[in-house]
Amino acid sequence: MNPTSGPGEEPAGAPRPVRRAVLRAVFTAAVLAGSGGALAPVLLQGQGPGGPGQERDAVGPERFSELYKGREIQGTATTVVPAGAQAHPGTSIAAPAADVSVDGRTLHVMRRADGSYLSTVTHYESFPTLLETARAAVDELGTAQLSAVSPHTI
């Protein structure tokens, strides 16, 4: 303890708690502002008119049938409403359904929460459209055929 300081006072040269609190608050504000600025484009990407999900839904259901690299790919993405289902106000009962086939064999696809698709063949990649998903599966398969039996049977 410094002989010139009284009881309850800190010795000279020791950082003051008020200064620490102010520096900590300034640092926290700078980190939050920087994080907000960096994340704003990501968080605001799908917001407002003309967002990525609205463009695809505005055109209607996706349908295609083409010959790609010597393989016949066909697909349809539609909305399915269960029979006898009644919607409560403010809720939707429609569920998206996708049917894709490569050379007449079913390619199992799944729609992700962000609206993109993935398949059992390209399970670790997602694609914005069903057509791109089917093409990527054909690219990955090469000359191999899809299994004729569903892997998810009971």
Protein backbone atom coordinates (compact mmCIF):
# COMPACT_ATOMS: atom_id res chain seq x y z
CA MET A 1 0.00 0.00 0.00
CA ASN A 2 1.22 3.48 -0.85
CA PRO A 3 2.01 5.52 2.29
CA THR A 4 0.31 8.60 0.76
CA SER A 5 -2.94 6.83 0.05
CA GLY A 6 -5.66 6.70 2.61
CA PRO A 7 -7.72 3.72 3.71
CA GLY A 8 -9.85 2.25 0.89
CA GLU A 9 -7.86 3.97 -1.89
CA GLU A 10 -5.91 2.11 -4.52
CA PRO A 11 -2.18 2.62 -4.90
CA ALA A 12 -1.04 5.04 -7.61
CA GLY A 13 -0.62 3.48 -11.07
CA ALA A 14 -3.27 0.77 -10.53
CA PRO A 15 -6.01 0.69 -13.19
CA ARG A 16 -9.27 2.17 -12.02
CA PRO A 17 -12.46 0.07 -12.23
CA VAL A 18 -14.33 2.88 -14.02
CA ARG A 19 -11.74 3.01 -16.76
CA ARG A 20 -11.94 -0.78 -17.18
CA ALA A 21 -15.73 -0.65 -17.42
CA VAL A 22 -15.62 2.09 -20.05
CA LEU A 23 -12.98 0.27 -22.11
CA ARG A 24 -14.93 -2.98 -21.84
CA ALA A 25 -18.16 -1.25 -22.97
CA VAL A 26 -16.40 0.42 -25.93
CA PHE A 27 -14.81 -2.88 -26.97
CA THR A 28 -18.15 -4.72 -26.71
CA ALA A 29 -19.91 -2.05 -28.78
CA ALA A 30 -17.19 -2.25 -31.44
CA VAL A 31 -17.47 -6.06 -31.62
CA LEU A 32 -21.27 -5.92 -31.88
CA ALA A 33 -21.18 -3.23 -34.57
CA GLY A 34 -18.59 -5.14 -36.58
CA SER A 35 -20.52 -8.42 -36.27
CA GLY A 36 -23.77 -6.73 -37.25
CA GLY A 37 -22.15 -5.13 -40.28
CA ALA A 38 -20.63 -8.42 -41.37
CA LEU A 39 -23.83 -10.44 -40.87
CA ALA A 40 -26.32 -7.91 -42.28
CA PRO A 41 -26.06 -9.10 -45.93
CA VAL A 42 -26.58 -12.71 -44.85
CA LEU A 43 -29.53 -11.96 -42.58
CA LEU A 44 -31.25 -9.63 -45.05
CA GLN A 45 -30.66 -11.82 -48.14
CA GLY A 46 -34.13 -13.43 -48.36
CA GLN A 47 -36.07 -10.45 -46.99
CA GLY A 48 -38.45 -8.26 -48.94
CA PRO A 49 -39.88 -8.51 -52.43
CA GLY A 50 -37.82 -10.35 -54.99
CA GLY A 51 -36.18 -12.69 -52.47
CA PRO A 52 -34.79 -15.98 -53.76
CA GLY A 53 -37.69 -18.12 -52.53
CA GLN A 54 -40.33 -15.85 -54.04
CA GLU A 55 -38.81 -15.92 -57.52
CA ARG A 56 -39.09 -19.71 -57.79
CA ASP A 57 -42.61 -19.86 -56.31
CA ALA A 58 -43.82 -17.09 -58.61
CA VAL A 59 -43.19 -19.24 -61.69
CA GLY A 60 -45.19 -22.17 -60.38
CA PRO A 61 -44.29 -25.81 -59.96
CA GLU A 62 -41.03 -26.97 -61.50
CA ARG A 63 -41.32 -29.58 -64.27
CA PHE A 64 -38.63 -30.92 -66.59
CA SER A 65 -37.87 -33.82 -68.89
CA GLU A 66 -34.59 -33.91 -70.76
CA LEU A 67 -31.75 -36.05 -72.00
CA TYR A 68 -28.62 -35.11 -70.05
CA LYS A 69 -25.30 -36.83 -70.80
CA GLY A 70 -27.17 -39.73 -72.38
CA ARG A 71 -29.46 -40.20 -69.36
CA GLU A 72 -33.19 -39.44 -69.32
CA ILE A 73 -34.04 -37.24 -66.34
CA GLN A 74 -37.57 -36.23 -65.42
CA GLY A 75 -38.89 -34.33 -62.46
CA THR A 76 -41.80 -32.48 -60.94
CA ALA A 77 -42.04 -30.32 -57.85
CA THR A 78 -45.59 -29.68 -56.69
CA THR A 79 -47.53 -28.81 -53.60
CA VAL A 80 -49.57 -31.54 -51.95
CA VAL A 81 -52.61 -30.90 -49.77
CA PRO A 82 -53.70 -33.91 -47.69
CA ALA A 83 -57.26 -35.11 -48.36
CA GLY A 84 -59.80 -33.80 -45.86
CA ALA A 85 -57.29 -31.44 -44.26
CA GLN A 86 -58.62 -28.15 -42.97
CA ALA A 87 -56.32 -25.24 -42.34
CA HIS A 88 -56.60 -23.15 -39.23
CA PRO A 89 -56.46 -19.39 -39.77
CA GLY A 90 -52.86 -18.30 -40.38
CA THR A 91 -51.53 -21.82 -41.04
CA SER A 92 -50.69 -23.70 -44.21
CA ILE A 93 -51.52 -27.35 -44.80
CA ALA A 94 -49.77 -27.65 -48.16
CA ALA A 95 -46.52 -29.63 -48.24
CA PRO A 96 -43.94 -29.59 -51.04
CA ALA A 97 -43.45 -32.85 -52.94
CA ALA A 98 -40.74 -33.67 -55.47
CA ASP A 99 -40.55 -36.62 -57.86
CA VAL A 100 -37.36 -37.13 -59.87
CA SER A 101 -36.27 -40.09 -61.97
CA VAL A 102 -33.08 -40.98 -63.81
CA ASP A 103 -33.62 -43.52 -66.61
CA GLY A 104 -37.00 -44.41 -65.08
CA ARG A 105 -35.59 -45.15 -61.62
CA THR A 106 -36.57 -42.95 -58.69
CA LEU A 107 -33.97 -40.53 -57.39
CA HIS A 108 -34.85 -39.72 -53.80
CA VAL A 109 -34.70 -35.98 -53.19
CA MET A 110 -35.42 -33.85 -50.17
CA ARG A 111 -36.25 -30.17 -49.94
CA ARG A 112 -34.27 -28.22 -47.37
CA ALA A 113 -35.63 -25.44 -45.19
CA ASP A 114 -33.99 -22.78 -47.38
CA GLY A 115 -35.83 -24.09 -50.48
CA SER A 116 -32.87 -25.88 -52.04
CA TYR A 117 -32.77 -29.62 -52.79
CA LEU A 118 -30.43 -32.51 -52.05
CA SER A 119 -30.50 -36.12 -53.23
CA THR A 120 -29.31 -39.45 -51.91
CA VAL A 121 -26.57 -39.42 -54.54
CA THR A 122 -25.29 -35.91 -53.73
CA HIS A 123 -26.24 -35.92 -50.07
CA TYR A 124 -23.64 -33.38 -48.92
CA GLU A 125 -24.43 -30.75 -51.56
CA SER A 126 -27.61 -28.78 -52.09
CA PHE A 127 -28.85 -27.19 -55.32
CA PRO A 128 -31.32 -24.35 -55.92
CA THR A 129 -33.53 -26.26 -58.38
CA LEU A 130 -34.70 -29.80 -58.89
CA LEU A 131 -33.17 -29.84 -62.39
CA GLU A 132 -29.73 -28.93 -61.06
CA THR A 133 -30.09 -31.62 -58.38
CA ALA A 134 -30.90 -34.27 -61.03
CA ARG A 135 -28.01 -33.16 -63.26
CA ALA A 136 -25.57 -33.30 -60.34
CA ALA A 137 -26.77 -36.82 -59.52
CA VAL A 138 -26.15 -37.90 -63.14
CA ASP A 139 -22.68 -36.32 -63.01
CA GLU A 140 -21.92 -38.22 -59.81
CA LEU A 141 -23.37 -41.54 -61.03
CA GLY A 142 -21.38 -41.63 -64.25
CA THR A 143 -22.27 -44.95 -65.92
CA ALA A 144 -23.75 -46.53 -62.76
CA GLN A 145 -27.51 -47.06 -62.36
CA LEU A 146 -29.69 -46.08 -59.45
CA SER A 147 -30.95 -48.95 -57.32
CA ALA A 148 -34.40 -50.17 -58.36
CA VAL A 149 -35.34 -50.84 -54.70
CA SER A 150 -36.09 -48.04 -52.28
CA PRO A 151 -33.63 -47.96 -49.36
CA HIS A 152 -36.45 -46.79 -47.04
CA THR A 153 -38.98 -49.63 -47.12
CA ILE A 154 -40.77 -51.00 -44.10
